[in-house]
Amino acid sequence: MKKELLLVAIKEKEKQLAKLEKHIEKSSICSELYNKVVLEKAILKKELSDLEKNKFAEKVKFLFPRKKTLICDYFKE
């Protein structure tokens, strides 16, 4: 359900961007609004990708210790 809502919202943002793209050079307000809509679209895409991630796998990865790379590791011969 939420996935469909995000897809619809992304489509709406794309429509807004198409309309604003024509007026970017003419007005600073349109340019600022265009940048705002681009950010909103990016946020929606990130939320969509987060929904598609496997949450269980992410939790399991978090439990296992990671090998830490130290600065001296880069200078080993």
PDB file of N, CA and C in Angstrom:
ATOM      1  N   MET A   1       0.824  -1.188   0.000  1.00  0.00           N
ATOM      2  CA  MET A   1       0.000   0.000   0.000  1.00  0.00           C
ATOM      3  C   MET A   1       0.871   1.256   0.000  1.00  0.00           C
ATOM      4  N   LYS A   2       1.841   1.301   0.925  1.00  0.00           N
ATOM      5  CA  LYS A   2       2.695   2.479   1.015  1.00  0.00           C
ATOM      6  C   LYS A   2       3.560   2.616  -0.236  1.00  0.00           C
ATOM      7  N   LYS A   3       3.946   1.473  -0.799  1.00  0.00           N
ATOM      8  CA  LYS A   3       4.768   1.493  -2.005  1.00  0.00           C
ATOM      9  C   LYS A   3       4.030   2.174  -3.155  1.00  0.00           C
ATOM     10  N   GLU A   4       2.743   1.849  -3.312  1.00  0.00           N
ATOM     11  CA  GLU A   4       1.947   2.467  -4.374  1.00  0.00           C
ATOM     12  C   GLU A   4       1.793   3.970  -4.155  1.00  0.00           C
ATOM     13  N   LEU A   5       1.616   4.366  -2.906  1.00  0.00           N
ATOM     14  CA  LEU A   5       1.497   5.793  -2.597  1.00  0.00           C
ATOM     15  C   LEU A   5       2.794   6.539  -2.926  1.00  0.00           C
ATOM     16  N   LEU A   6       3.921   5.910  -2.614  1.00  0.00           N
ATOM     17  CA  LEU A   6       5.201   6.536  -2.932  1.00  0.00           C
ATOM     18  C   LEU A   6       5.399   6.650  -4.441  1.00  0.00           C
ATOM     19  N   LEU A   7       5.004   5.615  -5.175  1.00  0.00           N
ATOM     20  CA  LEU A   7       5.141   5.662  -6.635  1.00  0.00           C
ATOM     21  C   LEU A   7       4.271   6.765  -7.234  1.00  0.00           C
ATOM     22  N   VAL A   8       3.071   6.930  -6.716  1.00  0.00           N
ATOM     23  CA  VAL A   8       2.177   7.996  -7.191  1.00  0.00           C
ATOM     24  C   VAL A   8       2.779   9.361  -6.862  1.00  0.00           C
ATOM     25  N   ALA A   9       3.323   9.498  -5.667  1.00  0.00           N
ATOM     26  CA  ALA A   9       3.926  10.774  -5.271  1.00  0.00           C
ATOM     27  C   ALA A   9       5.141  11.100  -6.136  1.00  0.00           C
ATOM     28  N   ILE A  10       5.926  10.098  -6.483  1.00  0.00           N
ATOM     29  CA  ILE A  10       7.090  10.310  -7.341  1.00  0.00           C
ATOM     30  C   ILE A  10       6.637  10.754  -8.734  1.00  0.00           C
ATOM     31  N   LYS A  11       5.584  10.145  -9.246  1.00  0.00           N
ATOM     32  CA  LYS A  11       5.053  10.549 -10.555  1.00  0.00           C
ATOM     33  C   LYS A  11       4.573  12.004 -10.523  1.00  0.00           C
ATOM     34  N   GLU A  12       3.929  12.396  -9.427  1.00  0.00           N
ATOM     35  CA  GLU A  12       3.470  13.773  -9.289  1.00  0.00           C
ATOM     36  C   GLU A  12       4.651  14.753  -9.268  1.00  0.00           C
ATOM     37  N   LYS A  13       5.705  14.367  -8.569  1.00  0.00           N
ATOM     38  CA  LYS A  13       6.900  15.219  -8.521  1.00  0.00           C
ATOM     39  C   LYS A  13       7.519  15.353  -9.909  1.00  0.00           C
ATOM     40  N   GLU A  14       7.520  14.265 -10.682  1.00  0.00           N
ATOM     41  CA  GLU A  14       8.058  14.320 -12.039  1.00  0.00           C
ATOM     42  C   GLU A  14       7.245  15.271 -12.917  1.00  0.00           C
ATOM     43  N   LYS A  15       5.922  15.263 -12.735  1.00  0.00           N
ATOM     44  CA  LYS A  15       5.071  16.190 -13.484  1.00  0.00           C
ATOM     45  C   LYS A  15       5.377  17.636 -13.099  1.00  0.00           C
ATOM     46  N   GLN A  16       5.531  17.869 -11.800  1.00  0.00           N
ATOM     47  CA  GLN A  16       5.854  19.214 -11.331  1.00  0.00           C
ATOM     48  C   GLN A  16       7.199  19.676 -11.889  1.00  0.00           C
ATOM     49  N   LEU A  17       8.167  18.766 -11.907  1.00  0.00           N
ATOM     50  CA  LEU A  17       9.484  19.120 -12.422  1.00  0.00           C
ATOM     51  C   LEU A  17       9.424  19.458 -13.909  1.00  0.00           C
ATOM     52  N   ALA A  18       8.630  18.714 -14.647  1.00  0.00           N
ATOM     53  CA  ALA A  18       8.501  18.986 -16.082  1.00  0.00           C
ATOM     54  C   ALA A  18       7.905  20.371 -16.326  1.00  0.00           C
ATOM     55  N   LYS A  19       6.930  20.751 -15.514  1.00  0.00           N
ATOM     56  CA  LYS A  19       6.314  22.076 -15.665  1.00  0.00           C
ATOM     57  C   LYS A  19       7.269  23.192 -15.245  1.00  0.00           C
ATOM     58  N   LEU A  20       7.995  22.964 -14.161  1.00  0.00           N
ATOM     59  CA  LEU A  20       8.887  24.001 -13.645  1.00  0.00           C
ATOM     60  C   LEU A  20      10.155  24.152 -14.482  1.00  0.00           C
ATOM     61  N   GLU A  21      10.536  23.107 -15.156  1.00  0.00           N
ATOM     62  CA  GLU A  21      11.775  23.134 -15.930  1.00  0.00           C
ATOM     63  C   GLU A  21      11.752  24.213 -17.010  1.00  0.00           C
ATOM     64  N   LYS A  22      10.582  24.493 -17.531  1.00  0.00           N
ATOM     65  CA  LYS A  22      10.427  25.508 -18.576  1.00  0.00           C
ATOM     66  C   LYS A  22      10.676  26.918 -18.043  1.00  0.00           C
ATOM     67  N   HIS A  23      10.480  27.116 -16.757  1.00  0.00           N
ATOM     68  CA  HIS A  23      10.519  28.455 -16.184  1.00  0.00           C
ATOM     69  C   HIS A  23      11.715  28.702 -15.266  1.00  0.00           C
ATOM     70  N   ILE A  24      12.656  27.783 -15.220  1.00  0.00           N
ATOM     71  CA  ILE A  24      13.795  27.916 -14.310  1.00  0.00           C
ATOM     72  C   ILE A  24      14.601  29.175 -14.608  1.00  0.00           C
ATOM     73  N   GLU A  25      14.891  29.397 -15.872  1.00  0.00           N
ATOM     74  CA  GLU A  25      15.737  30.526 -16.265  1.00  0.00           C
ATOM     75  C   GLU A  25      15.029  31.872 -16.095  1.00  0.00           C
ATOM     76  N   LYS A  26      13.726  31.871 -16.106  1.00  0.00           N
ATOM     77  CA  LYS A  26      12.958  33.118 -16.074  1.00  0.00           C
ATOM     78  C   LYS A  26      12.806  33.694 -14.675  1.00  0.00           C
ATOM     79  N   SER A  27      12.742  32.825 -13.673  1.00  0.00           N
ATOM     80  CA  SER A  27      12.411  33.302 -12.332  1.00  0.00           C
ATOM     81  C   SER A  27      13.244  32.575 -11.282  1.00  0.00           C
ATOM     82  N   SER A  28      13.733  33.331 -10.320  1.00  0.00           N
ATOM     83  CA  SER A  28      14.490  32.717  -9.228  1.00  0.00           C
ATOM     84  C   SER A  28      13.568  31.917  -8.312  1.00  0.00           C
ATOM     85  N   ILE A  29      12.322  32.344  -8.206  1.00  0.00           N
ATOM     86  CA  ILE A  29      11.351  31.609  -7.384  1.00  0.00           C
ATOM     87  C   ILE A  29      11.099  30.227  -7.989  1.00  0.00           C
ATOM     88  N   CYS A  30      10.955  30.177  -9.294  1.00  0.00           N
ATOM     89  CA  CYS A  30      10.754  28.886  -9.967  1.00  0.00           C
ATOM     90  C   CYS A  30      11.982  28.002  -9.813  1.00  0.00           C
ATOM     91  N   SER A  31      13.141  28.611  -9.866  1.00  0.00           N
ATOM     92  CA  SER A  31      14.379  27.857  -9.695  1.00  0.00           C
ATOM     93  C   SER A  31      14.461  27.247  -8.297  1.00  0.00           C
ATOM     94  N   GLU A  32      14.124  28.041  -7.281  1.00  0.00           N
ATOM     95  CA  GLU A  32      14.117  27.539  -5.909  1.00  0.00           C
ATOM     96  C   GLU A  32      13.067  26.455  -5.717  1.00  0.00           C
ATOM     97  N   LEU A  33      11.912  26.651  -6.298  1.00  0.00           N
ATOM     98  CA  LEU A  33      10.843  25.656  -6.199  1.00  0.00           C
ATOM     99  C   LEU A  33      11.253  24.362  -6.899  1.00  0.00           C
ATOM    100  N   TYR A  34      11.913  24.491  -8.039  1.00  0.00           N
ATOM    101  CA  TYR A  34      12.402  23.325  -8.780  1.00  0.00           C
ATOM    102  C   TYR A  34      13.379  22.532  -7.906  1.00  0.00           C
ATOM    103  N   ASN A  35      14.311  23.234  -7.273  1.00  0.00           N
ATOM    104  CA  ASN A  35      15.285  22.562  -6.402  1.00  0.00           C
ATOM    105  C   ASN A  35      14.596  21.874  -5.228  1.00  0.00           C
ATOM    106  N   LYS A  36      13.575  22.514  -4.696  1.00  0.00           N
ATOM    107  CA  LYS A  36      12.829  21.924  -3.580  1.00  0.00           C
ATOM    108  C   LYS A  36      12.124  20.639  -4.011  1.00  0.00           C
ATOM    109  N   VAL A  37      11.523  20.658  -5.189  1.00  0.00           N
ATOM    110  CA  VAL A  37      10.811  19.482  -5.685  1.00  0.00           C
ATOM    111  C   VAL A  37      11.799  18.351  -5.991  1.00  0.00           C
ATOM    112  N   VAL A  38      12.983  18.699  -6.492  1.00  0.00           N
ATOM    113  CA  VAL A  38      14.011  17.677  -6.743  1.00  0.00           C
ATOM    114  C   VAL A  38      14.390  16.989  -5.438  1.00  0.00           C
ATOM    115  N   LEU A  39      14.553  17.770  -4.373  1.00  0.00           N
ATOM    116  CA  LEU A  39      14.879  17.194  -3.067  1.00  0.00           C
ATOM    117  C   LEU A  39      13.748  16.309  -2.550  1.00  0.00           C
ATOM    118  N   GLU A  40      12.525  16.761  -2.698  1.00  0.00           N
ATOM    119  CA  GLU A  40      11.380  15.965  -2.244  1.00  0.00           C
ATOM    120  C   GLU A  40      11.303  14.648  -3.007  1.00  0.00           C
ATOM    121  N   LYS A  41      11.571  14.693  -4.304  1.00  0.00           N
ATOM    122  CA  LYS A  41      11.547  13.478  -5.116  1.00  0.00           C
ATOM    123  C   LYS A  41      12.650  12.522  -4.672  1.00  0.00           C
ATOM    124  N   ALA A  42      13.825  13.055  -4.371  1.00  0.00           N
ATOM    125  CA  ALA A  42      14.929  12.212  -3.903  1.00  0.00           C
ATOM    126  C   ALA A  42      14.591  11.539  -2.577  1.00  0.00           C
ATOM    127  N   ILE A  43      13.935  12.281  -1.698  1.00  0.00           N
ATOM    128  CA  ILE A  43      13.526  11.715  -0.407  1.00  0.00           C
ATOM    129  C   ILE A  43      12.521  10.587  -0.611  1.00  0.00           C
ATOM    130  N   LEU A  44      11.573  10.797  -1.512  1.00  0.00           N
ATOM    131  CA  LEU A  44      10.578   9.760  -1.794  1.00  0.00           C
ATOM    132  C   LEU A  44      11.232   8.512  -2.383  1.00  0.00           C
ATOM    133  N   LYS A  45      12.189   8.706  -3.274  1.00  0.00           N
ATOM    134  CA  LYS A  45      12.888   7.558  -3.863  1.00  0.00           C
ATOM    135  C   LYS A  45      13.672   6.798  -2.795  1.00  0.00           C
ATOM    136  N   LYS A  46      14.282   7.515  -1.861  1.00  0.00           N
ATOM    137  CA  LYS A  46      15.015   6.870  -0.775  1.00  0.00           C
ATOM    138  C   LYS A  46      14.072   6.071   0.107  1.00  0.00           C
ATOM    139  N   GLU A  47      12.919   6.623   0.414  1.00  0.00           N
ATOM    140  CA  GLU A  47      11.928   5.893   1.211  1.00  0.00           C
ATOM    141  C   GLU A  47      11.469   4.630   0.483  1.00  0.00           C
ATOM    142  N   LEU A  48      11.300   4.737  -0.827  1.00  0.00           N
ATOM    143  CA  LEU A  48      10.892   3.579  -1.619  1.00  0.00           C
ATOM    144  C   LEU A  48      11.969   2.505  -1.610  1.00  0.00           C
ATOM    145  N   SER A  49      13.215   2.903  -1.745  1.00  0.00           N
ATOM    146  CA  SER A  49      14.292   1.912  -1.727  1.00  0.00           C
ATOM    147  C   SER A  49      14.438   1.290  -0.343  1.00  0.00           C
ATOM    148  N   ASP A  50      14.176   2.067   0.708  1.00  0.00           N
ATOM    149  CA  ASP A  50      14.229   1.517   2.064  1.00  0.00           C
ATOM    150  C   ASP A  50      13.131   0.476   2.281  1.00  0.00           C
ATOM    151  N   LEU A  51      11.984   0.679   1.669  1.00  0.00           N
ATOM    152  CA  LEU A  51      10.904  -0.306   1.784  1.00  0.00           C
ATOM    153  C   LEU A  51      11.268  -1.611   1.105  1.00  0.00           C
ATOM    154  N   GLU A  52      12.016  -1.517   0.018  1.00  0.00           N
ATOM    155  CA  GLU A  52      12.358  -2.705  -0.753  1.00  0.00           C
ATOM    156  C   GLU A  52      13.513  -3.497  -0.155  1.00  0.00           C
ATOM    157  N   LYS A  53      14.257  -2.890   0.760  1.00  0.00           N
ATOM    158  CA  LYS A  53      15.370  -3.590   1.392  1.00  0.00           C
ATOM    159  C   LYS A  53      14.843  -4.696   2.289  1.00  0.00           C
ATOM    160  N   ASN A  54      15.657  -5.712   2.425  1.00  0.00           N
ATOM    161  CA  ASN A  54      15.320  -6.816   3.309  1.00  0.00           C
ATOM    162  C   ASN A  54      15.721  -6.430   4.730  1.00  0.00           C
ATOM    163  N   LYS A  55      14.753  -6.112   5.554  1.00  0.00           N
ATOM    164  CA  LYS A  55      15.022  -5.629   6.907  1.00  0.00           C
ATOM    165  C   LYS A  55      15.697  -6.702   7.770  1.00  0.00           C
ATOM    166  N   PHE A  56      15.330  -7.959   7.584  1.00  0.00           N
ATOM    167  CA  PHE A  56      15.928  -9.029   8.373  1.00  0.00           C
ATOM    168  C   PHE A  56      17.417  -9.142   8.081  1.00  0.00           C
ATOM    169  N   ALA A  57      17.770  -9.079   6.804  1.00  0.00           N
ATOM    170  CA  ALA A  57      19.178  -9.182   6.426  1.00  0.00           C
ATOM    171  C   ALA A  57      19.978  -8.004   6.989  1.00  0.00           C
ATOM    172  N   GLU A  58      19.388  -6.825   6.998  1.00  0.00           N
ATOM    173  CA  GLU A  58      20.066  -5.661   7.555  1.00  0.00           C
ATOM    174  C   GLU A  58      20.324  -5.837   9.056  1.00  0.00           C
ATOM    175  N   LYS A  59      19.372  -6.415   9.768  1.00  0.00           N
ATOM    176  CA  LYS A  59      19.544  -6.627  11.198  1.00  0.00           C
ATOM    177  C   LYS A  59      20.615  -7.671  11.470  1.00  0.00           C
ATOM    178  N   VAL A  60      20.665  -8.718  10.654  1.00  0.00           N
ATOM    179  CA  VAL A  60      21.676  -9.759  10.829  1.00  0.00           C
ATOM    180  C   VAL A  60      23.062  -9.185  10.553  1.00  0.00           C
ATOM    181  N   LYS A  61      23.206  -8.367   9.541  1.00  0.00           N
ATOM    182  CA  LYS A  61      24.494  -7.737   9.243  1.00  0.00           C
ATOM    183  C   LYS A  61      24.953  -6.862  10.406  1.00  0.00           C
ATOM    184  N   PHE A  62      24.011  -6.227  11.055  1.00  0.00           N
ATOM    185  CA  PHE A  62      24.339  -5.347  12.171  1.00  0.00           C
ATOM    186  C   PHE A  62      24.895  -6.139  13.356  1.00  0.00           C
ATOM    187  N   LEU A  63      24.442  -7.371  13.541  1.00  0.00           N
ATOM    188  CA  LEU A  63      24.865  -8.173  14.687  1.00  0.00           C
ATOM    189  C   LEU A  63      26.290  -8.687  14.556  1.00  0.00           C
ATOM    190  N   PHE A  64      26.731  -8.958  13.335  1.00  0.00           N
ATOM    191  CA  PHE A  64      28.075  -9.489  13.137  1.00  0.00           C
ATOM    192  C   PHE A  64      29.099  -8.357  13.203  1.00  0.00           C
ATOM    193  N   PRO A  65      30.203  -8.618  13.877  1.00  0.00           N
ATOM    194  CA  PRO A  65      31.225  -7.560  13.972  1.00  0.00           C
ATOM    195  C   PRO A  65      31.885  -7.325  12.607  1.00  0.00           C
ATOM    196  N   ARG A  66      32.182  -6.080  12.352  1.00  0.00           N
ATOM    197  CA  ARG A  66      32.834  -5.720  11.102  1.00  0.00           C
ATOM    198  C   ARG A  66      34.332  -5.626  11.336  1.00  0.00           C
ATOM    199  N   LYS A  67      35.091  -5.956  10.298  1.00  0.00           N
ATOM    200  CA  LYS A  67      36.537  -5.804  10.392  1.00  0.00           C
ATOM    201  C   LYS A  67      36.843  -4.323  10.200  1.00  0.00           C
ATOM    202  N   LYS A  68      37.502  -3.756  11.177  1.00  0.00           N
ATOM    203  CA  LYS A  68      37.835  -2.343  11.103  1.00  0.00           C
ATOM    204  C   LYS A  68      39.173  -2.190  10.382  1.00  0.00           C
ATOM    205  N   THR A  69      39.226  -1.248   9.474  1.00  0.00           N
ATOM    206  CA  THR A  69      40.448  -0.961   8.757  1.00  0.00           C
ATOM    207  C   THR A  69      41.139   0.199   9.450  1.00  0.00           C
ATOM    208  N   LEU A  70      42.376  -0.017   9.815  1.00  0.00           N
ATOM    209  CA  LEU A  70      43.153   1.022  10.461  1.00  0.00           C
ATOM    210  C   LEU A  70      44.020   1.728   9.431  1.00  0.00           C
ATOM    211  N   ILE A  71      44.487   2.898   9.758  1.00  0.00           N
ATOM    212  CA  ILE A  71      45.345   3.650   8.839  1.00  0.00           C
ATOM    213  C   ILE A  71      46.616   2.865   8.536  1.00  0.00           C
ATOM    214  N   CYS A  72      47.156   2.192   9.531  1.00  0.00           N
ATOM    215  CA  CYS A  72      48.397   1.453   9.320  1.00  0.00           C
ATOM    216  C   CYS A  72      48.197   0.286   8.341  1.00  0.00           C
ATOM    217  N   ASP A  73      46.964  -0.177   8.166  1.00  0.00           N
ATOM    218  CA  ASP A  73      46.701  -1.261   7.212  1.00  0.00           C
ATOM    219  C   ASP A  73      46.969  -0.826   5.774  1.00  0.00           C
ATOM    220  N   TYR A  74      46.824   0.447   5.504  1.00  0.00           N
ATOM    221  CA  TYR A  74      47.052   0.940   4.155  1.00  0.00           C
ATOM    222  C   TYR A  74      48.541   1.011   3.802  1.00  0.00           C
ATOM    223  N   PHE A  75      49.388   1.039   4.818  1.00  0.00           N
ATOM    224  CA  PHE A  75      50.829   1.199   4.585  1.00  0.00           C
ATOM    225  C   PHE A  75      51.601  -0.093   4.726  1.00  0.00           C
ATOM    226  N   LYS A  76      50.908  -1.208   4.931  1.00  0.00           N
ATOM    227  CA  LYS A  76      51.574  -2.501   5.019  1.00  0.00           C
ATOM    228  C   LYS A  76      52.103  -2.899   3.653  1.00  0.00           C
ATOM    229  N   GLU A  77      53.227  -3.582   3.668  1.00  0.00           N
ATOM    230  CA  GLU A  77      53.803  -4.017   2.387  1.00  0.00           C
ATOM    231  C   GLU A  77      53.427  -5.425   2.073  1.00  0.00           C
TER     232      GLU A  77
END
